[in-house]
Amino acid sequence: MLDTLKWIETINPDKNESELGFNYYGYSIIEKKGAIKLSKLMKAWYLMFSEAPEELILTGWYTWNEDEDPRTAGAYEKLSFSRKEILETLSRLIEFATKVDSGEYIIIYSGI
């Protein structure tokens, strides 16, 4: 999912520059052009996740302990989510993107 977020046009207000994707540790602004792409992606995710089982298990980052060899001791995280909660969140993001698409609003993302 993270890779597809890099397709969304945003503005980095610290640099006053357009970018693709989100500023991980700072602010990003989504205006109309980015909102159109955000809406399309959220709708696609919504359709995909609506077919998921009630408990949704996704693969996360590859992790390992610093004192171990990552090639032999590492493993991918297994992340568990409720399909209902995922769909509700995606639905809200679609609503936000639709409002921004009207040209009257922006979305401000504040990083992690």
PDB file of N, CA and C in Angstrom:
ATOM      1  N   MET A   1       0.818  -1.195   0.000  1.00  0.00           N
ATOM      2  CA  MET A   1       0.000   0.000   0.000  1.00  0.00           C
ATOM      3  C   MET A   1       0.859   1.256   0.000  1.00  0.00           C
ATOM      4  N   LEU A   2       1.948   1.202   0.748  1.00  0.00           N
ATOM      5  CA  LEU A   2       2.794   2.384   0.875  1.00  0.00           C
ATOM      6  C   LEU A   2       3.312   2.862  -0.474  1.00  0.00           C
ATOM      7  N   ASP A   3       3.671   1.938  -1.339  1.00  0.00           N
ATOM      8  CA  ASP A   3       4.189   2.323  -2.652  1.00  0.00           C
ATOM      9  C   ASP A   3       3.186   3.139  -3.453  1.00  0.00           C
ATOM     10  N   THR A   4       1.903   2.814  -3.363  1.00  0.00           N
ATOM     11  CA  THR A   4       0.908   3.538  -4.159  1.00  0.00           C
ATOM     12  C   THR A   4       0.698   4.964  -3.662  1.00  0.00           C
ATOM     13  N   LEU A   5       0.998   5.221  -2.393  1.00  0.00           N
ATOM     14  CA  LEU A   5       0.870   6.586  -1.875  1.00  0.00           C
ATOM     15  C   LEU A   5       1.914   7.521  -2.487  1.00  0.00           C
ATOM     16  N   LYS A   6       2.966   6.947  -3.039  1.00  0.00           N
ATOM     17  CA  LYS A   6       4.005   7.754  -3.691  1.00  0.00           C
ATOM     18  C   LYS A   6       3.543   8.273  -5.052  1.00  0.00           C
ATOM     19  N   TRP A   7       2.365   7.897  -5.489  1.00  0.00           N
ATOM     20  CA  TRP A   7       1.814   8.363  -6.766  1.00  0.00           C
ATOM     21  C   TRP A   7       1.007   9.655  -6.603  1.00  0.00           C
ATOM     22  N   ILE A   8       0.740  10.042  -5.360  1.00  0.00           N
ATOM     23  CA  ILE A   8      -0.132  11.186  -5.084  1.00  0.00           C
ATOM     24  C   ILE A   8       0.687  12.472  -5.045  1.00  0.00           C
ATOM     25  N   GLU A   9       0.246  13.470  -5.823  1.00  0.00           N
ATOM     26  CA  GLU A   9       0.936  14.758  -5.831  1.00  0.00           C
ATOM     27  C   GLU A   9       0.584  15.532  -4.568  1.00  0.00           C
ATOM     28  N   THR A  10       1.626  15.970  -3.873  1.00  0.00           N
ATOM     29  CA  THR A  10       1.459  16.744  -2.646  1.00  0.00           C
ATOM     30  C   THR A  10       2.351  17.984  -2.731  1.00  0.00           C
ATOM     31  N   ILE A  11       2.186  18.860  -1.758  1.00  0.00           N
ATOM     32  CA  ILE A  11       3.051  20.027  -1.628  1.00  0.00           C
ATOM     33  C   ILE A  11       3.747  19.931  -0.278  1.00  0.00           C
ATOM     34  N   ASN A  12       5.054  20.091  -0.295  1.00  0.00           N
ATOM     35  CA  ASN A  12       5.826  20.154   0.937  1.00  0.00           C
ATOM     36  C   ASN A  12       5.916  21.631   1.318  1.00  0.00           C
ATOM     37  N   PRO A  13       5.186  22.069   2.352  1.00  0.00           N
ATOM     38  CA  PRO A  13       5.166  23.494   2.684  1.00  0.00           C
ATOM     39  C   PRO A  13       6.503  24.004   3.221  1.00  0.00           C
ATOM     40  N   ASP A  14       7.332  23.099   3.764  1.00  0.00           N
ATOM     41  CA  ASP A  14       8.646  23.531   4.255  1.00  0.00           C
ATOM     42  C   ASP A  14       9.551  23.961   3.110  1.00  0.00           C
ATOM     43  N   LYS A  15       9.400  23.307   1.955  1.00  0.00           N
ATOM     44  CA  LYS A  15      10.221  23.632   0.786  1.00  0.00           C
ATOM     45  C   LYS A  15       9.434  24.414  -0.261  1.00  0.00           C
ATOM     46  N   ASN A  16       8.109  24.519  -0.061  1.00  0.00           N
ATOM     47  CA  ASN A  16       7.209  25.131  -1.033  1.00  0.00           C
ATOM     48  C   ASN A  16       7.391  24.504  -2.422  1.00  0.00           C
ATOM     49  N   GLU A  17       7.441  23.157  -2.433  1.00  0.00           N
ATOM     50  CA  GLU A  17       7.641  22.404  -3.669  1.00  0.00           C
ATOM     51  C   GLU A  17       6.610  21.296  -3.796  1.00  0.00           C
ATOM     52  N   SER A  18       6.264  20.996  -5.049  1.00  0.00           N
ATOM     53  CA  SER A  18       5.417  19.840  -5.324  1.00  0.00           C
ATOM     54  C   SER A  18       6.264  18.583  -5.222  1.00  0.00           C
ATOM     55  N   GLU A  19       5.662  17.535  -4.719  1.00  0.00           N
ATOM     56  CA  GLU A  19       6.332  16.248  -4.578  1.00  0.00           C
ATOM     57  C   GLU A  19       5.345  15.143  -4.920  1.00  0.00           C
ATOM     58  N   LEU A  20       5.864  13.959  -5.065  1.00  0.00           N
ATOM     59  CA  LEU A  20       5.025  12.767  -5.146  1.00  0.00           C
ATOM     60  C   LEU A  20       5.192  12.016  -3.836  1.00  0.00           C
ATOM     61  N   GLY A  21       4.080  11.738  -3.184  1.00  0.00           N
ATOM     62  CA  GLY A  21       4.128  11.051  -1.899  1.00  0.00           C
ATOM     63  C   GLY A  21       4.072  12.037  -0.746  1.00  0.00           C
ATOM     64  N   PHE A  22       4.228  11.486   0.438  1.00  0.00           N
ATOM     65  CA  PHE A  22       4.054  12.258   1.662  1.00  0.00           C
ATOM     66  C   PHE A  22       5.381  12.475   2.370  1.00  0.00           C
ATOM     67  N   ASN A  23       5.511  13.629   3.001  1.00  0.00           N
ATOM     68  CA  ASN A  23       6.668  13.952   3.815  1.00  0.00           C
ATOM     69  C   ASN A  23       6.555  13.110   5.092  1.00  0.00           C
ATOM     70  N   TYR A  24       7.432  12.148   5.241  1.00  0.00           N
ATOM     71  CA  TYR A  24       7.324  11.170   6.319  1.00  0.00           C
ATOM     72  C   TYR A  24       7.338  11.810   7.699  1.00  0.00           C
ATOM     73  N   TYR A  25       8.220  12.789   7.907  1.00  0.00           N
ATOM     74  CA  TYR A  25       8.358  13.405   9.233  1.00  0.00           C
ATOM     75  C   TYR A  25       7.836  14.828   9.307  1.00  0.00           C
ATOM     76  N   GLY A  26       7.267  15.336   8.241  1.00  0.00           N
ATOM     77  CA  GLY A  26       6.777  16.708   8.251  1.00  0.00           C
ATOM     78  C   GLY A  26       5.417  16.806   7.593  1.00  0.00           C
ATOM     79  N   TYR A  27       5.058  18.003   7.224  1.00  0.00           N
ATOM     80  CA  TYR A  27       3.754  18.267   6.643  1.00  0.00           C
ATOM     81  C   TYR A  27       3.736  18.027   5.130  1.00  0.00           C
ATOM     82  N   SER A  28       2.585  17.618   4.649  1.00  0.00           N
ATOM     83  CA  SER A  28       2.286  17.544   3.221  1.00  0.00           C
ATOM     84  C   SER A  28       0.882  18.088   3.030  1.00  0.00           C
ATOM     85  N   ILE A  29       0.685  18.777   1.932  1.00  0.00           N
ATOM     86  CA  ILE A  29      -0.633  19.330   1.614  1.00  0.00           C
ATOM     87  C   ILE A  29      -1.129  18.682   0.337  1.00  0.00           C
ATOM     88  N   ILE A  30      -2.392  18.256   0.372  1.00  0.00           N
ATOM     89  CA  ILE A  30      -3.022  17.696  -0.823  1.00  0.00           C
ATOM     90  C   ILE A  30      -4.058  18.697  -1.312  1.00  0.00           C
ATOM     91  N   GLU A  31      -3.865  19.142  -2.549  1.00  0.00           N
ATOM     92  CA  GLU A  31      -4.832  20.021  -3.193  1.00  0.00           C
ATOM     93  C   GLU A  31      -5.613  19.212  -4.216  1.00  0.00           C
ATOM     94  N   LYS A  32      -6.375  19.890  -5.045  1.00  0.00           N
ATOM     95  CA  LYS A  32      -7.299  19.243  -5.983  1.00  0.00           C
ATOM     96  C   LYS A  32      -6.652  18.140  -6.826  1.00  0.00           C
ATOM     97  N   LYS A  33      -5.522  18.425  -7.462  1.00  0.00           N
ATOM     98  CA  LYS A  33      -4.889  17.442  -8.348  1.00  0.00           C
ATOM     99  C   LYS A  33      -4.520  16.160  -7.589  1.00  0.00           C
ATOM    100  N   GLY A  34      -3.927  16.319  -6.414  1.00  0.00           N
ATOM    101  CA  GLY A  34      -3.577  15.156  -5.600  1.00  0.00           C
ATOM    102  C   GLY A  34      -4.803  14.439  -5.065  1.00  0.00           C
ATOM    103  N   ALA A  35      -5.854  15.203  -4.779  1.00  0.00           N
ATOM    104  CA  ALA A  35      -7.079  14.611  -4.239  1.00  0.00           C
ATOM    105  C   ALA A  35      -7.763  13.694  -5.248  1.00  0.00           C
ATOM    106  N   ILE A  36      -7.672  14.042  -6.512  1.00  0.00           N
ATOM    107  CA  ILE A  36      -8.268  13.194  -7.550  1.00  0.00           C
ATOM    108  C   ILE A  36      -7.593  11.825  -7.540  1.00  0.00           C
ATOM    109  N   LYS A  37      -6.259  11.805  -7.482  1.00  0.00           N
ATOM    110  CA  LYS A  37      -5.515  10.544  -7.440  1.00  0.00           C
ATOM    111  C   LYS A  37      -5.770   9.806  -6.126  1.00  0.00           C
ATOM    112  N   LEU A  38      -5.793  10.543  -5.013  1.00  0.00           N
ATOM    113  CA  LEU A  38      -6.066   9.933  -3.712  1.00  0.00           C
ATOM    114  C   LEU A  38      -7.417   9.240  -3.722  1.00  0.00           C
ATOM    115  N   SER A  39      -8.414   9.900  -4.250  1.00  0.00           N
ATOM    116  CA  SER A  39      -9.756   9.329  -4.318  1.00  0.00           C
ATOM    117  C   SER A  39      -9.768   8.039  -5.142  1.00  0.00           C
ATOM    118  N   LYS A  40      -9.121   8.052  -6.287  1.00  0.00           N
ATOM    119  CA  LYS A  40      -9.067   6.859  -7.135  1.00  0.00           C
ATOM    120  C   LYS A  40      -8.384   5.697  -6.420  1.00  0.00           C
ATOM    121  N   LEU A  41      -7.273   5.989  -5.755  1.00  0.00           N
ATOM    122  CA  LEU A  41      -6.553   4.929  -5.048  1.00  0.00           C
ATOM    123  C   LEU A  41      -7.368   4.385  -3.879  1.00  0.00           C
ATOM    124  N   MET A  42      -8.002   5.266  -3.111  1.00  0.00           N
ATOM    125  CA  MET A  42      -8.802   4.818  -1.968  1.00  0.00           C
ATOM    126  C   MET A  42      -9.998   3.978  -2.428  1.00  0.00           C
ATOM    127  N   LYS A  43     -10.605   4.357  -3.550  1.00  0.00           N
ATOM    128  CA  LYS A  43     -11.714   3.565  -4.095  1.00  0.00           C
ATOM    129  C   LYS A  43     -11.227   2.188  -4.540  1.00  0.00           C
ATOM    130  N   ALA A  44     -10.055   2.131  -5.148  1.00  0.00           N
ATOM    131  CA  ALA A  44      -9.497   0.845  -5.569  1.00  0.00           C
ATOM    132  C   ALA A  44      -9.186  -0.025  -4.347  1.00  0.00           C
ATOM    133  N   TRP A  45      -8.584   0.573  -3.320  1.00  0.00           N
ATOM    134  CA  TRP A  45      -8.309  -0.182  -2.100  1.00  0.00           C
ATOM    135  C   TRP A  45      -9.614  -0.649  -1.458  1.00  0.00           C
ATOM    136  N   TYR A  46     -10.622   0.225  -1.453  1.00  0.00           N
ATOM    137  CA  TYR A  46     -11.912  -0.132  -0.869  1.00  0.00           C
ATOM    138  C   TYR A  46     -12.486  -1.371  -1.560  1.00  0.00           C
ATOM    139  N   LEU A  47     -12.482  -1.365  -2.880  1.00  0.00           N
ATOM    140  CA  LEU A  47     -12.993  -2.521  -3.624  1.00  0.00           C
ATOM    141  C   LEU A  47     -12.194  -3.784  -3.305  1.00  0.00           C
ATOM    142  N   MET A  48     -10.879  -3.649  -3.250  1.00  0.00           N
ATOM    143  CA  MET A  48     -10.033  -4.804  -2.969  1.00  0.00           C
ATOM    144  C   MET A  48     -10.274  -5.330  -1.554  1.00  0.00           C
ATOM    145  N   PHE A  49     -10.258  -4.445  -0.558  1.00  0.00           N
ATOM    146  CA  PHE A  49     -10.404  -4.886   0.817  1.00  0.00           C
ATOM    147  C   PHE A  49     -11.827  -5.312   1.158  1.00  0.00           C
ATOM    148  N   SER A  50     -12.807  -4.914   0.381  1.00  0.00           N
ATOM    149  CA  SER A  50     -14.171  -5.382   0.627  1.00  0.00           C
ATOM    150  C   SER A  50     -14.289  -6.882   0.351  1.00  0.00           C
ATOM    151  N   GLU A  51     -13.336  -7.449  -0.352  1.00  0.00           N
ATOM    152  CA  GLU A  51     -13.304  -8.886  -0.628  1.00  0.00           C
ATOM    153  C   GLU A  51     -12.493  -9.667   0.404  1.00  0.00           C
ATOM    154  N   ALA A  52     -11.888  -8.975   1.354  1.00  0.00           N
ATOM    155  CA  ALA A  52     -11.026  -9.612   2.351  1.00  0.00           C
ATOM    156  C   ALA A  52     -11.847 -10.324   3.421  1.00  0.00           C
ATOM    157  N   PRO A  53     -11.233 -11.261   4.133  1.00  0.00           N
ATOM    158  CA  PRO A  53     -11.922 -11.865   5.283  1.00  0.00           C
ATOM    159  C   PRO A  53     -12.114 -10.824   6.384  1.00  0.00           C
ATOM    160  N   GLU A  54     -12.963 -11.132   7.367  1.00  0.00           N
ATOM    161  CA  GLU A  54     -13.245 -10.167   8.449  1.00  0.00           C
ATOM    162  C   GLU A  54     -11.989  -9.751   9.186  1.00  0.00           C
ATOM    163  N   GLU A  55     -11.105 -10.706   9.472  1.00  0.00           N
ATOM    164  CA  GLU A  55      -9.817 -10.369  10.055  1.00  0.00           C
ATOM    165  C   GLU A  55      -8.811 -10.356   8.917  1.00  0.00           C
ATOM    166  N   LEU A  56      -8.237  -9.204   8.703  1.00  0.00           N
ATOM    167  CA  LEU A  56      -7.336  -8.991   7.585  1.00  0.00           C
ATOM    168  C   LEU A  56      -5.903  -9.055   8.102  1.00  0.00           C
ATOM    169  N   ILE A  57      -5.114  -9.988   7.581  1.00  0.00           N
ATOM    170  CA  ILE A  57      -3.707 -10.132   7.971  1.00  0.00           C
ATOM    171  C   ILE A  57      -2.854  -9.648   6.801  1.00  0.00           C
ATOM    172  N   LEU A  58      -2.033  -8.616   7.061  1.00  0.00           N
ATOM    173  CA  LEU A  58      -1.155  -8.066   6.038  1.00  0.00           C
ATOM    174  C   LEU A  58       0.302  -8.244   6.454  1.00  0.00           C
ATOM    175  N   THR A  59       1.164  -8.309   5.472  1.00  0.00           N
ATOM    176  CA  THR A  59       2.594  -8.440   5.720  1.00  0.00           C
ATOM    177  C   THR A  59       3.203  -7.063   5.886  1.00  0.00           C
ATOM    178  N   GLY A  60       3.933  -6.883   6.969  1.00  0.00           N
ATOM    179  CA  GLY A  60       4.571  -5.605   7.261  1.00  0.00           C
ATOM    180  C   GLY A  60       6.038  -5.609   6.880  1.00  0.00           C
ATOM    181  N   TRP A  61       6.809  -4.829   7.622  1.00  0.00           N
ATOM    182  CA  TRP A  61       8.247  -4.682   7.370  1.00  0.00           C
ATOM    183  C   TRP A  61       9.005  -5.957   7.705  1.00  0.00           C
ATOM    184  N   TYR A  62      10.144  -6.130   7.077  1.00  0.00           N
ATOM    185  CA  TYR A  62      11.068  -7.212   7.408  1.00  0.00           C
ATOM    186  C   TYR A  62      11.893  -6.741   8.593  1.00  0.00           C
ATOM    187  N   THR A  63      11.896  -7.485   9.681  1.00  0.00           N
ATOM    188  CA  THR A  63      12.588  -7.056  10.891  1.00  0.00           C
ATOM    189  C   THR A  63      13.553  -8.125  11.383  1.00  0.00           C
ATOM    190  N   TRP A  64      14.549  -7.682  12.181  1.00  0.00           N
ATOM    191  CA  TRP A  64      15.500  -8.589  12.817  1.00  0.00           C
ATOM    192  C   TRP A  64      16.166  -7.849  13.966  1.00  0.00           C
ATOM    193  N   ASN A  65      16.790  -8.587  14.835  1.00  0.00           N
ATOM    194  CA  ASN A  65      17.548  -7.991  15.931  1.00  0.00           C
ATOM    195  C   ASN A  65      18.916  -7.581  15.409  1.00  0.00           C
ATOM    196  N   GLU A  66      19.450  -6.498  15.942  1.00  0.00           N
ATOM    197  CA  GLU A  66      20.726  -5.974  15.458  1.00  0.00           C
ATOM    198  C   GLU A  66      21.872  -6.970  15.594  1.00  0.00           C
ATOM    199  N   ASP A  67      21.833  -7.813  16.598  1.00  0.00           N
ATOM    200  CA  ASP A  67      22.936  -8.744  16.815  1.00  0.00           C
ATOM    201  C   ASP A  67      22.780 -10.051  16.032  1.00  0.00           C
ATOM    202  N   GLU A  68      21.760 -10.124  15.163  1.00  0.00           N
ATOM    203  CA  GLU A  68      21.535 -11.330  14.368  1.00  0.00           C
ATOM    204  C   GLU A  68      21.731 -11.046  12.880  1.00  0.00           C
ATOM    205  N   ASP A  69      21.972 -12.084  12.137  1.00  0.00           N
ATOM    206  CA  ASP A  69      22.116 -11.979  10.682  1.00  0.00           C
ATOM    207  C   ASP A  69      20.721 -11.866  10.072  1.00  0.00           C
ATOM    208  N   PRO A  70      20.389 -10.737   9.424  1.00  0.00           N
ATOM    209  CA  PRO A  70      19.029 -10.555   8.884  1.00  0.00           C
ATOM    210  C   PRO A  70      18.670 -11.577   7.803  1.00  0.00           C
ATOM    211  N   ARG A  71      19.669 -12.181   7.182  1.00  0.00           N
ATOM    212  CA  ARG A  71      19.375 -13.165   6.127  1.00  0.00           C
ATOM    213  C   ARG A  71      18.863 -14.478   6.695  1.00  0.00           C
ATOM    214  N   THR A  72      19.197 -14.754   7.969  1.00  0.00           N
ATOM    215  CA  THR A  72      18.772 -16.028   8.548  1.00  0.00           C
ATOM    216  C   THR A  72      17.833 -15.873   9.734  1.00  0.00           C
ATOM    217  N   ALA A  73      17.877 -14.731  10.416  1.00  0.00           N
ATOM    218  CA  ALA A  73      17.098 -14.577  11.644  1.00  0.00           C
ATOM    219  C   ALA A  73      15.904 -13.642  11.498  1.00  0.00           C
ATOM    220  N   GLY A  74      15.795 -12.949  10.376  1.00  0.00           N
ATOM    221  CA  GLY A  74      14.720 -11.977  10.221  1.00  0.00           C
ATOM    222  C   GLY A  74      13.398 -12.612   9.844  1.00  0.00           C
ATOM    223  N   ALA A  75      12.344 -11.813   9.968  1.00  0.00           N
ATOM    224  CA  ALA A  75      11.007 -12.267   9.591  1.00  0.00           C
ATOM    225  C   ALA A  75      10.150 -11.054   9.254  1.00  0.00           C
ATOM    226  N   TYR A  76       9.128 -11.267   8.448  1.00  0.00           N
ATOM    227  CA  TYR A  76       8.181 -10.207   8.130  1.00  0.00           C
ATOM    228  C   TYR A  76       7.142 -10.086   9.237  1.00  0.00           C
ATOM    229  N   GLU A  77       6.817  -8.867   9.600  1.00  0.00           N
ATOM    230  CA  GLU A  77       5.749  -8.630  10.570  1.00  0.00           C
ATOM    231  C   GLU A  77       4.424  -9.113   9.983  1.00  0.00           C
ATOM    232  N   LYS A  78       3.554  -9.602  10.825  1.00  0.00           N
ATOM    233  CA  LYS A  78       2.192  -9.940  10.430  1.00  0.00           C
ATOM    234  C   LYS A  78       1.271  -8.970  11.164  1.00  0.00           C
ATOM    235  N   LEU A  79       0.553  -8.155  10.406  1.00  0.00           N
ATOM    236  CA  LEU A  79      -0.294  -7.111  10.963  1.00  0.00           C
ATOM    237  C   LEU A  79      -1.753  -7.502  10.800  1.00  0.00           C
ATOM    238  N   SER A  80      -2.516  -7.392  11.878  1.00  0.00           N
ATOM    239  CA  SER A  80      -3.919  -7.803  11.870  1.00  0.00           C
ATOM    240  C   SER A  80      -4.830  -6.577  11.956  1.00  0.00           C
ATOM    241  N   PHE A  81      -5.850  -6.552  11.098  1.00  0.00           N
ATOM    242  CA  PHE A  81      -6.803  -5.450  11.054  1.00  0.00           C
ATOM    243  C   PHE A  81      -8.220  -5.995  10.900  1.00  0.00           C
ATOM    244  N   SER A  82      -9.163  -5.203  11.301  1.00  0.00           N
ATOM    245  CA  SER A  82     -10.567  -5.507  11.084  1.00  0.00           C
ATOM    246  C   SER A  82     -10.974  -4.975   9.704  1.00  0.00           C
ATOM    247  N   ARG A  83     -11.559  -5.827   8.879  1.00  0.00           N
ATOM    248  CA  ARG A  83     -12.008  -5.371   7.550  1.00  0.00           C
ATOM    249  C   ARG A  83     -12.964  -4.195   7.693  1.00  0.00           C
ATOM    250  N   LYS A  84     -13.877  -4.275   8.657  1.00  0.00           N
ATOM    251  CA  LYS A  84     -14.852  -3.204   8.851  1.00  0.00           C
ATOM    252  C   LYS A  84     -14.155  -1.871   9.138  1.00  0.00           C
ATOM    253  N   GLU A  85     -13.152  -1.872  10.011  1.00  0.00           N
ATOM    254  CA  GLU A  85     -12.441  -0.638  10.342  1.00  0.00           C
ATOM    255  C   GLU A  85     -11.656  -0.104   9.145  1.00  0.00           C
ATOM    256  N   ILE A  86     -11.041  -0.998   8.393  1.00  0.00           N
ATOM    257  CA  ILE A  86     -10.303  -0.578   7.195  1.00  0.00           C
ATOM    258  C   ILE A  86     -11.256   0.093   6.210  1.00  0.00           C
ATOM    259  N   LEU A  87     -12.399  -0.531   5.968  1.00  0.00           N
ATOM    260  CA  LEU A  87     -13.356   0.016   5.008  1.00  0.00           C
ATOM    261  C   LEU A  87     -13.926   1.352   5.480  1.00  0.00           C
ATOM    262  N   GLU A  88     -14.173   1.485   6.784  1.00  0.00           N
ATOM    263  CA  GLU A  88     -14.665   2.763   7.316  1.00  0.00           C
ATOM    264  C   GLU A  88     -13.624   3.869   7.127  1.00  0.00           C
ATOM    265  N   THR A  89     -12.363   3.553   7.384  1.00  0.00           N
ATOM    266  CA  THR A  89     -11.292   4.536   7.213  1.00  0.00           C
ATOM    267  C   THR A  89     -11.146   4.938   5.754  1.00  0.00           C
ATOM    268  N   LEU A  90     -11.156   3.956   4.864  1.00  0.00           N
ATOM    269  CA  LEU A  90     -11.051   4.257   3.435  1.00  0.00           C
ATOM    270  C   LEU A  90     -12.233   5.091   2.960  1.00  0.00           C
ATOM    271  N   SER A  91     -13.416   4.793   3.463  1.00  0.00           N
ATOM    272  CA  SER A  91     -14.606   5.561   3.098  1.00  0.00           C
ATOM    273  C   SER A  91     -14.458   7.031   3.511  1.00  0.00           C
ATOM    274  N   ARG A  92     -13.913   7.263   4.711  1.00  0.00           N
ATOM    275  CA  ARG A  92     -13.697   8.645   5.174  1.00  0.00           C
ATOM    276  C   ARG A  92     -12.662   9.354   4.308  1.00  0.00           C
ATOM    277  N   LEU A  93     -11.605   8.641   3.943  1.00  0.00           N
ATOM    278  CA  LEU A  93     -10.588   9.250   3.085  1.00  0.00           C
ATOM    279  C   LEU A  93     -11.161   9.609   1.713  1.00  0.00           C
ATOM    280  N   ILE A  94     -12.039   8.765   1.197  1.00  0.00           N
ATOM    281  CA  ILE A  94     -12.714   9.062  -0.079  1.00  0.00           C
ATOM    282  C   ILE A  94     -13.565  10.320   0.065  1.00  0.00           C
ATOM    283  N   GLU A  95     -14.287  10.444   1.179  1.00  0.00           N
ATOM    284  CA  GLU A  95     -15.102  11.639   1.426  1.00  0.00           C
ATOM    285  C   GLU A  95     -14.227  12.897   1.497  1.00  0.00           C
ATOM    286  N   PHE A  96     -13.108  12.812   2.225  1.00  0.00           N
ATOM    287  CA  PHE A  96     -12.195  13.959   2.321  1.00  0.00           C
ATOM    288  C   PHE A  96     -11.669  14.347   0.945  1.00  0.00           C
ATOM    289  N   ALA A  97     -11.226  13.352   0.180  1.00  0.00           N
ATOM    290  CA  ALA A  97     -10.671  13.627  -1.150  1.00  0.00           C
ATOM    291  C   ALA A  97     -11.722  14.253  -2.056  1.00  0.00           C
ATOM    292  N   THR A  98     -12.970  13.812  -1.938  1.00  0.00           N
ATOM    293  CA  THR A  98     -14.053  14.370  -2.747  1.00  0.00           C
ATOM    294  C   THR A  98     -14.274  15.848  -2.396  1.00  0.00           C
ATOM    295  N   LYS A  99     -14.204  16.183  -1.110  1.00  0.00           N
ATOM    296  CA  LYS A  99     -14.358  17.586  -0.705  1.00  0.00           C
ATOM    297  C   LYS A  99     -13.216  18.443  -1.245  1.00  0.00           C
ATOM    298  N   VAL A 100     -12.001  17.909  -1.217  1.00  0.00           N
ATOM    299  CA  VAL A 100     -10.846  18.649  -1.745  1.00  0.00           C
ATOM    300  C   VAL A 100     -10.977  18.815  -3.249  1.00  0.00           C
ATOM    301  N   ASP A 101     -11.488  17.807  -3.918  1.00  0.00           N
ATOM    302  CA  ASP A 101     -11.688  17.859  -5.366  1.00  0.00           C
ATOM    303  C   ASP A 101     -12.630  18.996  -5.762  1.00  0.00           C
ATOM    304  N   SER A 102     -13.509  19.404  -4.852  1.00  0.00           N
ATOM    305  CA  SER A 102     -14.424  20.508  -5.133  1.00  0.00           C
ATOM    306  C   SER A 102     -13.677  21.843  -5.247  1.00  0.00           C
ATOM    307  N   GLY A 103     -12.442  21.885  -4.756  1.00  0.00           N
ATOM    308  CA  GLY A 103     -11.643  23.104  -4.835  1.00  0.00           C
ATOM    309  C   GLY A 103     -11.782  24.017  -3.636  1.00  0.00           C
ATOM    310  N   GLU A 104     -12.618  23.647  -2.679  1.00  0.00           N
ATOM    311  CA  GLU A 104     -12.848  24.506  -1.519  1.00  0.00           C
ATOM    312  C   GLU A 104     -11.996  24.142  -0.309  1.00  0.00           C
ATOM    313  N   TYR A 105     -11.378  22.974  -0.323  1.00  0.00           N
ATOM    314  CA  TYR A 105     -10.642  22.488   0.841  1.00  0.00           C
ATOM    315  C   TYR A 105      -9.283  21.947   0.420  1.00  0.00           C
ATOM    316  N   ILE A 106      -8.427  21.713   1.434  1.00  0.00           N
ATOM    317  CA  ILE A 106      -7.180  20.992   1.239  1.00  0.00           C
ATOM    318  C   ILE A 106      -7.087  19.948   2.353  1.00  0.00           C
ATOM    319  N   ILE A 107      -6.224  18.982   2.182  1.00  0.00           N
ATOM    320  CA  ILE A 107      -5.916  18.022   3.250  1.00  0.00           C
ATOM    321  C   ILE A 107      -4.498  18.326   3.710  1.00  0.00           C
ATOM    322  N   ILE A 108      -4.318  18.396   5.024  1.00  0.00           N
ATOM    323  CA  ILE A 108      -2.992  18.600   5.585  1.00  0.00           C
ATOM    324  C   ILE A 108      -2.604  17.330   6.334  1.00  0.00           C
ATOM    325  N   TYR A 109      -1.521  16.720   5.868  1.00  0.00           N
ATOM    326  CA  TYR A 109      -0.973  15.527   6.506  1.00  0.00           C
ATOM    327  C   TYR A 109       0.194  15.985   7.361  1.00  0.00           C
ATOM    328  N   SER A 110       0.248  15.549   8.625  1.00  0.00           N
ATOM    329  CA  SER A 110       1.264  16.077   9.541  1.00  0.00           C
ATOM    330  C   SER A 110       2.394  15.101   9.843  1.00  0.00           C
ATOM    331  N   GLY A 111       2.580  14.075   9.025  1.00  0.00           N
ATOM    332  CA  GLY A 111       3.679  13.128   9.251  1.00  0.00           C
ATOM    333  C   GLY A 111       3.346  12.149  10.349  1.00  0.00           C
ATOM    334  N   ILE A 112       4.348  11.333  10.674  1.00  0.00           N
ATOM    335  CA  ILE A 112       4.106  10.313  11.703  1.00  0.00           C
ATOM    336  C   ILE A 112       4.419  10.816  13.081  1.00  0.00           C
TER     337      ILE A 112
END
